[in-house]
Protein backbone atom coordinates (compact mmCIF):
# COMPACT_ATOMS: atom_id res chain seq x y z
CA MET A 1 -23.52 4.86 -23.17
CA ALA A 2 -24.60 1.35 -22.24
CA HIS A 3 -27.82 0.04 -23.76
CA THR A 4 -28.63 -3.21 -21.98
CA LYS A 5 -29.56 -3.69 -18.33
CA GLN A 6 -26.45 -5.79 -17.83
CA ALA A 7 -24.17 -3.13 -19.30
CA LEU A 8 -25.80 -0.40 -17.22
CA LYS A 9 -25.25 -2.42 -14.05
CA ARG A 10 -21.61 -3.09 -14.97
CA ALA A 11 -21.10 0.63 -15.54
CA ARG A 12 -22.53 1.38 -12.08
CA GLN A 13 -20.33 -1.27 -10.49
CA SER A 14 -17.23 0.03 -12.25
CA THR A 15 -17.88 3.56 -11.00
CA THR A 16 -18.40 2.38 -7.43
CA ARG A 17 -15.30 0.20 -7.44
CA ARG A 18 -13.17 2.89 -9.08
CA THR A 19 -14.01 5.43 -6.38
CA SER A 20 -13.42 3.03 -3.51
CA HIS A 21 -10.16 1.77 -5.01
CA LYS A 22 -9.01 5.33 -5.62
CA SER A 23 -9.37 6.22 -1.94
CA GLU A 24 -7.61 3.04 -0.88
CA ARG A 25 -4.71 3.67 -3.29
CA ALA A 26 -4.40 7.22 -1.94
CA ALA A 27 -4.25 5.89 1.62
CA LEU A 28 -1.59 3.40 0.54
CA LYS A 29 0.51 6.19 -1.00
CA THR A 30 0.22 8.18 2.22
CA GLN A 31 1.39 5.14 4.19
CA PHE A 32 4.43 4.79 1.92
CA LYS A 33 5.28 8.44 2.56
CA LYS A 34 5.08 7.81 6.30
CA LEU A 35 7.37 4.82 5.85
CA ASP A 36 9.88 6.95 3.94
CA ASP A 37 9.84 9.55 6.71
CA ALA A 38 10.43 6.87 9.33
CA LEU A 39 13.30 5.37 7.34
CA LYS A 40 14.90 8.80 6.96
CA SER A 41 14.56 9.52 10.69
CA GLY A 42 16.49 6.37 11.59
CA ASP A 43 14.40 5.80 14.73
CA GLU A 44 14.14 2.03 15.16
CA LYS A 45 10.77 2.06 16.89
CA ALA A 46 9.25 4.36 14.25
CA ILE A 47 10.63 2.21 11.43
CA LEU A 48 9.23 -1.01 12.87
CA GLU A 49 5.81 0.56 13.45
CA ALA A 50 5.74 2.04 9.94
CA VAL A 51 6.74 -1.28 8.37
CA ARG A 52 4.06 -3.15 10.29
CA SER A 53 1.29 -0.71 9.38
CA THR A 54 2.43 -0.54 5.75
CA GLN A 55 2.37 -4.30 5.40
CA VAL A 56 -1.09 -4.48 6.96
CA GLN A 57 -2.39 -1.85 4.55
CA VAL A 58 -0.84 -3.62 1.57
CA ASP A 59 -2.51 -6.89 2.66
CA LYS A 60 -5.86 -5.12 2.90
CA ALA A 61 -5.39 -3.64 -0.57
CA ALA A 62 -4.73 -7.12 -1.96
CA GLN A 63 -7.70 -8.54 -0.08
CA HIS A 64 -9.98 -5.83 -1.53
CA LYS A 65 -8.53 -6.50 -5.01
CA VAL A 66 -7.02 -3.02 -5.28
CA MET A 67 -3.73 -4.69 -6.13
CA HIS A 68 -2.83 -8.22 -7.18
CA LYS A 69 -1.79 -10.59 -4.39
CA ASN A 70 1.62 -11.21 -6.00
CA ALA A 71 2.21 -7.47 -6.31
CA ALA A 72 1.29 -7.11 -2.64
CA SER A 73 3.72 -9.86 -1.69
CA ARG A 74 6.50 -8.26 -3.72
CA THR A 75 5.79 -4.86 -2.17
CA LYS A 76 5.87 -6.27 1.36
CA SER A 77 9.18 -7.96 0.61
CA ARG A 78 10.68 -4.73 -0.68
CA VAL A 79 9.43 -2.81 2.36
CA ALA A 80 11.03 -5.36 4.67
CA ALA A 81 14.31 -5.21 2.75
CA ARG A 82 14.40 -1.41 2.95
CA ALA A 83 13.69 -1.53 6.67
CA LYS A 84 16.41 -4.12 7.25
CA LYS A 85 18.88 -2.01 5.31
CA ALA A 86 17.96 1.09 7.31
CA LEU A 87 18.16 -0.72 10.65
CA THR A 88 21.52 -2.36 9.94
CA ALA A 89 23.16 0.72 8.42
CA LYS A 90 26.09 2.04 10.42
CA PRO A 91 25.57 5.54 11.76
CA ALA A 92 27.70 8.21 10.11
CA LYS A 93 30.57 9.57 12.20
């Protein structure tokens, strides 16, 4: 247990941040699942909407310091690459 006023405050801040970041990470995971579903469906409109909303959510996570800005950039790039691959794939005959 913390002894000083400063350490007590830091403990309170850590708890608050951990809970808010946990909910934001959970929302991000849900968004990735929606993206996967859209990619599996093959519907172009659904894929584009899922990519857009996923990238927005990743940007917000980086802005709120839930994830590092470089990790967010890398994630957005990978999402775009997966979407491009899904959109340009030839339909099976």
